[in-house]
Amino acid sequence: MTVDFVALDFETANRSPASACAVGLVRVRGGKFVDQDAWLIRPPSGHDEFAPFNVQLHGVSAERVSRAPNWQSSLDRILEFTGDDVLVAHNAPFDIGVLVAASRATRLPIPALKYFCTLRLARRSYQLPSYSLPSAAKAAGYQAFKHHDALADAEACAAIVVDVAQQLGTLSIEALSVNTGVHIRRLHADNTTALDALVADATF
């Protein structure tokens, strides 16, 4: 199998989608995890309040990110790691919406990225009472992981793609998209309506 992609997960400091405070990335080549990266992020000014609910969820606090990289350097690092790969995330509109919102908050250009949603993939591939990341990852054979740890969530997300690709015998993320009807979508910096919708999807 030659399925190649990068899995992505963000954690946020509060209800603002621009408040990225942690990221996890996993590179997959030929269906195998070959590289990973994860770090804390200092959220953009004006979006940097840490809500107690969020801190309880992921354990990242204002103190922990006080010396962390800012969004601009984090975005550069994400793009360098991703290269030309398709970004994969569970409920991708949320994670891509975070990337868009944080970039807008810091007046950075919106990168031209391709992305794919494992929540939609799981709904088309498994019969489950819940399609949350822990449930879908368990169906993919990936079980004991720390949910809301950005790197662990990225690994779980990647495991879903690898499992479905193996089941279907697909040789690429593009073929998986065609075979399942889960579209690979693209970010377009000039499509304000689509970007606004992503940011709205990332607001909780």
Protein backbone atom coordinates (compact mmCIF):
# COMPACT_ATOMS: atom_id res chain seq x y z
CA MET A 1 0.00 0.00 0.00
CA THR A 2 1.32 3.45 -0.90
CA VAL A 3 -1.10 5.72 0.93
CA ASP A 4 0.77 8.95 1.79
CA PHE A 5 -0.56 11.90 3.80
CA VAL A 6 -0.05 14.00 6.94
CA ALA A 7 -2.49 13.78 9.87
CA LEU A 8 -3.14 16.95 11.88
CA ASP A 9 -4.78 17.81 15.18
CA PHE A 10 -5.16 21.14 16.99
CA GLU A 11 -6.15 21.94 20.55
CA THR A 12 -7.55 25.38 21.37
CA ALA A 13 -7.37 27.58 24.45
CA ASN A 14 -11.00 28.73 24.38
CA ARG A 15 -14.07 28.95 22.18
CA SER A 16 -12.27 31.09 19.59
CA PRO A 17 -11.08 29.03 16.62
CA ALA A 18 -8.03 31.31 16.44
CA SER A 19 -6.83 30.17 19.88
CA ALA A 20 -4.57 27.32 18.74
CA CYS A 21 -2.48 26.21 21.71
CA ALA A 22 -1.14 22.80 20.63
CA VAL A 23 -0.64 20.88 17.41
CA GLY A 24 0.26 17.31 16.51
CA LEU A 25 1.40 16.07 13.09
CA VAL A 26 2.03 12.55 11.80
CA ARG A 27 3.52 11.77 8.40
CA VAL A 28 2.38 8.52 6.75
CA ARG A 29 4.19 6.86 3.87
CA GLY A 30 2.96 3.65 2.33
CA GLY A 31 0.46 3.26 5.16
CA LYS A 32 3.19 3.45 7.82
CA PHE A 33 3.85 6.16 10.42
CA VAL A 34 7.30 7.47 9.49
CA ASP A 35 7.62 10.84 11.25
CA GLN A 36 5.87 13.02 13.77
CA ASP A 37 6.05 16.43 15.39
CA ALA A 38 4.12 18.14 18.16
CA TRP A 39 4.49 21.34 20.15
CA LEU A 40 2.65 23.92 22.20
CA ILE A 41 1.60 27.22 20.61
CA ARG A 42 1.21 30.67 22.11
CA PRO A 43 -2.22 31.74 20.79
CA PRO A 44 -2.55 35.04 18.92
CA SER A 45 -3.12 38.17 20.99
CA GLY A 46 -6.79 38.68 21.72
CA HIS A 47 -7.41 34.93 21.52
CA ASP A 48 -5.04 33.87 24.28
CA GLU A 49 -7.34 33.50 27.29
CA PHE A 50 -7.40 29.92 28.58
CA ALA A 51 -10.91 28.75 29.45
CA PRO A 52 -11.12 26.33 32.40
CA PHE A 53 -13.13 23.86 30.30
CA ASN A 54 -10.43 23.70 27.63
CA VAL A 55 -7.61 23.41 30.14
CA GLN A 56 -9.41 20.56 31.87
CA LEU A 57 -9.90 18.89 28.49
CA HIS A 58 -6.32 18.95 27.21
CA GLY A 59 -4.17 20.09 30.13
CA VAL A 60 -2.56 22.99 28.26
CA SER A 61 -2.50 26.21 30.27
CA ALA A 62 -1.34 29.79 29.84
CA GLU A 63 1.72 29.02 31.95
CA ARG A 64 2.70 26.10 29.74
CA VAL A 65 2.61 28.17 26.54
CA SER A 66 4.26 31.31 27.94
CA ARG A 67 7.51 30.52 26.10
CA ALA A 68 5.99 28.52 23.24
CA PRO A 69 6.34 29.53 19.57
CA ASN A 70 3.80 32.02 18.28
CA TRP A 71 1.34 31.26 15.49
CA GLN A 72 3.51 32.62 12.67
CA SER A 73 6.46 30.36 13.45
CA SER A 74 4.08 27.46 14.12
CA LEU A 75 2.39 27.87 10.76
CA ASP A 76 5.77 27.89 9.02
CA ARG A 77 6.67 24.67 10.82
CA ILE A 78 3.35 23.05 9.92
CA LEU A 79 3.74 23.93 6.26
CA GLU A 80 7.32 22.69 6.18
CA PHE A 81 6.27 19.36 7.70
CA THR A 82 3.25 19.00 5.41
CA GLY A 83 4.87 19.89 2.10
CA ASP A 84 2.54 18.90 -0.74
CA ASP A 85 0.73 16.21 1.25
CA VAL A 86 -3.00 16.11 1.86
CA LEU A 87 -3.76 17.07 5.46
CA VAL A 88 -6.05 14.60 7.22
CA ALA A 89 -8.04 15.43 10.37
CA HIS A 90 -11.03 14.08 12.29
CA ASN A 91 -13.77 16.63 11.69
CA ALA A 92 -11.39 18.43 9.35
CA PRO A 93 -13.46 21.63 9.10
CA PHE A 94 -12.65 22.25 12.77
CA ASP A 95 -8.88 21.83 12.46
CA ILE A 96 -8.62 23.60 9.12
CA GLY A 97 -10.89 26.31 10.51
CA VAL A 98 -8.43 26.78 13.39
CA LEU A 99 -5.60 27.19 10.90
CA VAL A 100 -7.59 29.74 8.91
CA ALA A 101 -8.79 31.68 11.96
CA ALA A 102 -5.34 31.88 13.57
CA SER A 103 -3.83 33.01 10.27
CA ARG A 104 -6.49 35.68 9.87
CA ALA A 105 -5.96 36.84 13.47
CA THR A 106 -2.27 37.38 12.74
CA ARG A 107 -2.83 38.74 9.21
CA LEU A 108 -0.94 35.92 7.57
CA PRO A 109 -1.74 34.61 4.08
CA ILE A 110 -4.04 31.61 3.96
CA PRO A 111 -1.97 28.71 2.60
CA ALA A 112 -3.20 26.66 -0.36
CA LEU A 113 -3.68 23.32 1.39
CA LYS A 114 -5.59 20.15 0.54
CA TYR A 115 -7.48 18.39 3.33
CA PHE A 116 -9.53 15.25 3.96
CA CYS A 117 -11.95 14.41 6.80
CA THR A 118 -11.76 11.11 8.70
CA LEU A 119 -15.06 11.81 10.47
CA ARG A 120 -16.79 11.62 7.10
CA LEU A 121 -14.64 8.64 6.16
CA ALA A 122 -15.58 6.78 9.34
CA ARG A 123 -19.29 7.44 8.78
CA ARG A 124 -19.04 5.86 5.33
CA SER A 125 -16.84 2.96 6.41
CA TYR A 126 -17.97 1.77 9.86
CA GLN A 127 -21.27 1.02 11.58
CA LEU A 128 -20.89 2.68 14.98
CA PRO A 129 -23.15 4.21 17.64
CA SER A 130 -20.74 7.15 17.79
CA TYR A 131 -18.22 8.47 15.28
CA SER A 132 -16.13 10.38 17.81
CA LEU A 133 -12.40 10.00 17.35
CA PRO A 134 -12.01 7.40 20.14
CA SER A 135 -14.85 5.29 18.72
CA ALA A 136 -13.70 5.51 15.11
CA ALA A 137 -10.06 4.85 16.08
CA LYS A 138 -11.13 1.79 18.07
CA ALA A 139 -12.95 0.48 15.01
CA ALA A 140 -9.69 0.95 13.11
CA GLY A 141 -7.84 -1.12 15.70
CA TYR A 142 -6.18 1.86 17.37
CA GLN A 143 -7.38 1.92 20.95
CA ALA A 144 -5.39 3.03 23.99
CA PHE A 145 -4.53 6.67 23.31
CA LYS A 146 -4.84 9.91 25.27
CA HIS A 147 -7.72 11.76 23.67
CA HIS A 148 -7.18 15.54 23.37
CA ASP A 149 -3.42 15.11 23.29
CA ALA A 150 -2.69 16.65 19.88
CA LEU A 151 -0.11 14.08 18.79
CA ALA A 152 -2.12 11.10 20.03
CA ASP A 153 -5.21 12.39 18.25
CA ALA A 154 -3.26 12.87 15.01
CA GLU A 155 -2.00 9.27 15.27
CA ALA A 156 -5.53 7.99 15.87
CA CYS A 157 -6.79 9.96 12.88
CA ALA A 158 -4.04 8.52 10.69
CA ALA A 159 -4.92 5.00 11.84
CA ILE A 160 -8.48 5.41 10.51
CA VAL A 161 -7.24 6.31 7.03
CA VAL A 162 -4.75 3.44 6.99
CA ASP A 163 -7.35 0.92 8.14
CA VAL A 164 -9.99 1.92 5.58
CA ALA A 165 -7.39 2.05 2.81
CA GLN A 166 -6.27 -1.47 3.70
CA GLN A 167 -9.84 -2.73 3.73
CA LEU A 168 -10.50 -1.27 0.29
CA GLY A 169 -7.08 -2.04 -1.15
CA THR A 170 -6.62 1.57 -2.23
CA LEU A 171 -3.17 2.74 -3.26
CA SER A 172 -3.42 6.48 -2.61
CA ILE A 173 -5.34 9.06 -0.63
CA GLU A 174 -6.79 10.23 -3.96
CA ALA A 175 -8.07 6.73 -4.74
CA LEU A 176 -9.51 6.47 -1.24
CA SER A 177 -11.38 9.72 -1.85
CA VAL A 178 -12.83 8.41 -5.11
CA ASN A 179 -13.77 5.00 -3.66
CA THR A 180 -15.51 6.41 -0.59
CA GLY A 181 -16.94 9.65 -1.94
CA VAL A 182 -15.19 11.66 0.77
CA HIS A 183 -13.80 14.62 -1.13
CA ILE A 184 -10.32 16.05 -0.84
CA ARG A 185 -10.99 19.74 -0.39
CA ARG A 186 -8.75 22.73 -1.01
CA LEU A 187 -8.19 26.02 0.74
CA HIS A 188 -8.51 29.01 -1.59
CA ALA A 189 -7.35 32.30 -0.13
CA ASP A 190 -9.71 34.30 -2.37
CA ASN A 191 -12.83 32.28 -1.48
CA THR A 192 -13.96 34.35 1.50
CA THR A 193 -17.31 32.57 1.80
CA ALA A 194 -15.70 29.16 2.12
CA LEU A 195 -13.11 30.44 4.60
CA ASP A 196 -15.84 32.05 6.70
CA ALA A 197 -17.71 28.74 6.76
CA LEU A 198 -14.62 26.90 7.97
CA VAL A 199 -14.10 29.39 10.79
CA ALA A 200 -17.76 29.04 11.75
CA ASP A 201 -17.41 25.24 11.81
CA ALA A 202 -14.42 25.59 14.14
CA THR A 203 -16.32 27.74 16.63
CA PHE A 204 -17.76 25.71 19.51
